[in-house]
C-alpha atoms as a PDB file:
ATOM      1  CA  MET A   1       0.000   0.000   0.000  1.00  0.00           C
ATOM      2  CA  TRP A   2       2.885   2.384   0.708  1.00  0.00           C
ATOM      3  CA  LEU A   3       4.058   1.968  -2.888  1.00  0.00           C
ATOM      4  CA  ILE A   4       0.630   3.015  -4.154  1.00  0.00           C
ATOM      5  CA  MET A   5       0.375   5.928  -1.729  1.00  0.00           C
ATOM      6  CA  THR A   6       3.827   7.351  -2.444  1.00  0.00           C
ATOM      7  CA  GLY A   7       3.246   6.871  -6.168  1.00  0.00           C
ATOM      8  CA  LEU A   8       0.021   8.869  -5.975  1.00  0.00           C
ATOM      9  CA  ALA A   9       1.735  11.560  -3.901  1.00  0.00           C
ATOM     10  CA  ALA A  10       4.517  11.739  -6.503  1.00  0.00           C
ATOM     11  CA  ILE A  11       2.059  12.037  -9.384  1.00  0.00           C
ATOM     12  CA  ILE A  12      -0.036  14.690  -7.623  1.00  0.00           C
ATOM     13  CA  THR A  13       2.954  16.834  -6.626  1.00  0.00           C
ATOM     14  CA  THR A  14       4.443  16.512 -10.112  1.00  0.00           C
ATOM     15  CA  VAL A  15       1.204  17.713 -11.712  1.00  0.00           C
ATOM     16  CA  ILE A  16       0.954  20.645  -9.287  1.00  0.00           C
ATOM     17  CA  TRP A  17       4.612  21.532  -9.897  1.00  0.00           C
ATOM     18  CA  TYR A  18       4.134  21.324 -13.674  1.00  0.00           C
ATOM     19  CA  VAL A  19       1.098  23.608 -13.562  1.00  0.00           C
ATOM     20  CA  LYS A  20       3.056  26.141 -11.500  1.00  0.00           C
ATOM     21  CA  ALA A  21       6.222  25.882 -13.659  1.00  0.00           C
ATOM     22  CA  PRO A  22       8.514  27.625 -14.446  1.00  0.00           C
ATOM     23  CA  GLU A  23       8.081  29.517 -11.166  1.00  0.00           C
ATOM     24  CA  ASP A  24       9.167  27.142  -8.411  1.00  0.00           C
ATOM     25  CA  LYS A  25       8.903  29.581  -5.527  1.00  0.00           C
ATOM     26  CA  TYR A  26       7.730  26.959  -3.047  1.00  0.00           C
ATOM     27  CA  LYS A  27      10.163  24.255  -4.182  1.00  0.00           C
ATOM     28  CA  LEU A  28       7.480  21.835  -5.373  1.00  0.00           C
ATOM     29  CA  SER A  29      10.129  20.232  -7.558  1.00  0.00           C
ATOM     30  CA  LEU A  30      11.934  19.139  -4.381  1.00  0.00           C
ATOM     31  CA  LEU A  31       8.746  17.699  -2.915  1.00  0.00           C
ATOM     32  CA  SER A  32       8.101  15.883  -6.166  1.00  0.00           C
ATOM     33  CA  LEU A  33      11.621  14.450  -6.152  1.00  0.00           C
ATOM     34  CA  ILE A  34      11.236  13.311  -2.542  1.00  0.00           C
ATOM     35  CA  PHE A  35       8.094  11.377  -3.412  1.00  0.00           C
ATOM     36  CA  TRP A  36       9.510   9.980  -6.684  1.00  0.00           C
ATOM     37  CA  GLY A  37      12.614   8.821  -4.809  1.00  0.00           C
ATOM     38  CA  ALA A  38      10.481   7.077  -2.195  1.00  0.00           C
ATOM     39  CA  THR A  39       8.314   5.515  -4.910  1.00  0.00           C
ATOM     40  CA  LEU A  40      11.350   4.220  -6.789  1.00  0.00           C
ATOM     41  CA  MET A  41      12.817   2.840  -3.564  1.00  0.00           C
ATOM     42  CA  TRP A  42       9.560   1.055  -2.666  1.00  0.00           C
ATOM     43  CA  PHE A  43       9.194  -0.299  -6.208  1.00  0.00           C
ATOM     44  CA  VAL A  44      12.687  -1.826  -6.205  1.00  0.00           C
ATOM     45  CA  ASP A  45      12.064  -3.240  -2.714  1.00  0.00           C
ATOM     46  CA  HIS A  46       8.738  -4.765  -3.763  1.00  0.00           C
ATOM     47  CA  LEU A  47      10.129  -6.140  -7.003  1.00  0.00           C
ATOM     48  CA  MET A  48      13.140  -7.788  -5.359  1.00  0.00           C
ATOM     49  CA  ALA A  49      11.023  -9.259  -2.548  1.00  0.00           C
ATOM     50  CA  TYR A  50       8.487 -10.539  -5.070  1.00  0.00           C
ATOM     51  CA  LEU A  51      11.164 -12.136  -7.260  1.00  0.00           C
ATOM     52  CA  ILE A  52      13.087 -13.683  -4.364  1.00  0.00           C
ATOM     53  CA  GLU A  53      10.310 -14.630  -1.943  1.00  0.00           C
ATOM     54  CA  GLY A  54       7.165 -14.657  -4.084  1.00  0.00           C
ATOM     55  CA  GLY A  55       3.818 -13.880  -2.503  1.00  0.00           C
ATOM     56  CA  GLU A  56       1.825 -10.697  -2.914  1.00  0.00           C
ATOM     57  CA  PHE A  57       3.257  -7.735  -4.759  1.00  0.00           C
ATOM     58  CA  PHE A  58       1.027  -5.182  -3.023  1.00  0.00           C
ATOM     59  CA  GLU A  59       0.376  -5.328   0.702  1.00  0.00           C
ATOM     60  CA  ILE A  60      -2.969  -3.804   1.506  1.00  0.00           C
ATOM     61  CA  ASN A  61      -3.447  -3.764   5.253  1.00  0.00           C
ATOM     62  CA  LEU A  62      -3.476  -1.306   8.131  1.00  0.00           C
ATOM     63  CA  ASP A  63       0.284  -1.486   8.787  1.00  0.00           C
ATOM     64  CA  ALA A  64       1.106  -0.798   5.133  1.00  0.00           C
ATOM     65  CA  THR A  65      -1.333   2.112   5.078  1.00  0.00           C
ATOM     66  CA  LEU A  66       0.131   3.639   8.228  1.00  0.00           C
ATOM     67  CA  LEU A  67       3.645   3.252   6.826  1.00  0.00           C
ATOM     68  CA  GLY A  68       2.557   4.991   3.630  1.00  0.00           C
ATOM     69  CA  LEU A  69       1.007   7.846   5.594  1.00  0.00           C
ATOM     70  CA  SER A  70       4.106   8.219   7.757  1.00  0.00           C
ATOM     71  CA  VAL A  71       6.364   8.361   4.681  1.00  0.00           C
ATOM     72  CA  ILE A  72       4.170  11.044   3.099  1.00  0.00           C
ATOM     73  CA  ILE A  73       4.060  13.049   6.340  1.00  0.00           C
ATOM     74  CA  PHE A  74       7.834  12.801   6.742  1.00  0.00           C
ATOM     75  CA  GLY A  75       8.359  13.898   3.130  1.00  0.00           C
ATOM     76  CA  LEU A  76       6.093  16.898   3.748  1.00  0.00           C
ATOM     77  CA  PHE A  77       7.994  17.658   6.966  1.00  0.00           C
ATOM     78  CA  VAL A  78      11.342  17.698   5.153  1.00  0.00           C
ATOM     79  CA  TRP A  79       9.834  19.941   2.467  1.00  0.00           C
ATOM     80  CA  VAL A  80       8.496  22.394   5.089  1.00  0.00           C
ATOM     81  CA  VAL A  81      11.897  22.529   6.814  1.00  0.00           C
ATOM     82  CA  VAL A  82      13.559  23.326   3.483  1.00  0.00           C
ATOM     83  CA  LEU A  83      10.921  26.009   2.846  1.00  0.00           C
ATOM     84  CA  LEU A  84      11.515  27.563   6.243  1.00  0.00           C
ATOM     85  CA  VAL A  85      15.274  27.599   5.730  1.00  0.00           C
ATOM     86  CA  SER A  86      15.060  29.066   2.227  1.00  0.00           C
ATOM     87  CA  ASP A  87      12.237  31.478   3.246  1.00  0.00           C
ATOM     88  CA  PRO A  88      10.954  32.241  -0.286  1.00  0.00           C
ATOM     89  CA  LYS A  89       8.695  35.110   0.834  1.00  0.00           C
ATOM     90  CA  GLY A  90      11.182  36.570   3.327  1.00  0.00           C
ATOM     91  CA  VAL A  91       8.704  36.265   6.214  1.00  0.00           C
ATOM     92  CA  LEU A  92      11.161  34.807   8.708  1.00  0.00           C
ATOM     93  CA  LYS A  93      13.746  37.490   7.879  1.00  0.00           C
ATOM     94  CA  ARG A  94      11.203  40.215   8.635  1.00  0.00           C
ATOM     95  CA  VAL A  95      10.070  38.524  11.858  1.00  0.00           C
ATOM     96  CA  LEU A  96      13.612  37.968  13.106  1.00  0.00           C
ATOM     97  CA  LYS A  97      14.640  41.560  12.359  1.00  0.00           C
ATOM     98  CA  GLY A  98      11.851  42.788  14.543  1.00  0.00           C
END
C-alpha cells in the first residue's frame, strides 16, 4: 500500500509543480523528487522481494497504510523545513529583524 500511496503523492505533486512551472517559488520540484525517490525505492524493494520470496506484490493492510502515511508526512515535513530555511517570501527574515 505504501508503494501506491507514495506513487500517488509523486504524481499529484508533479502535476501541481508542472502547472506552476517555471516559477518554483515553493520548491514543489523538491517535494516531487522526494516522493519519486520514495516511490522508486519502494518499487525496487517490492520487485526484489516478489522475485526472491514470491507472494503478494502489493500489501494492503493497516500497517502498510500507516507506513505509507508516515512516509508522506515525513516527506512533507522535510519539504516544510527546506521552505523555512530558504524562506521564499522573506517572512522569517522580517520577523527575526523585529
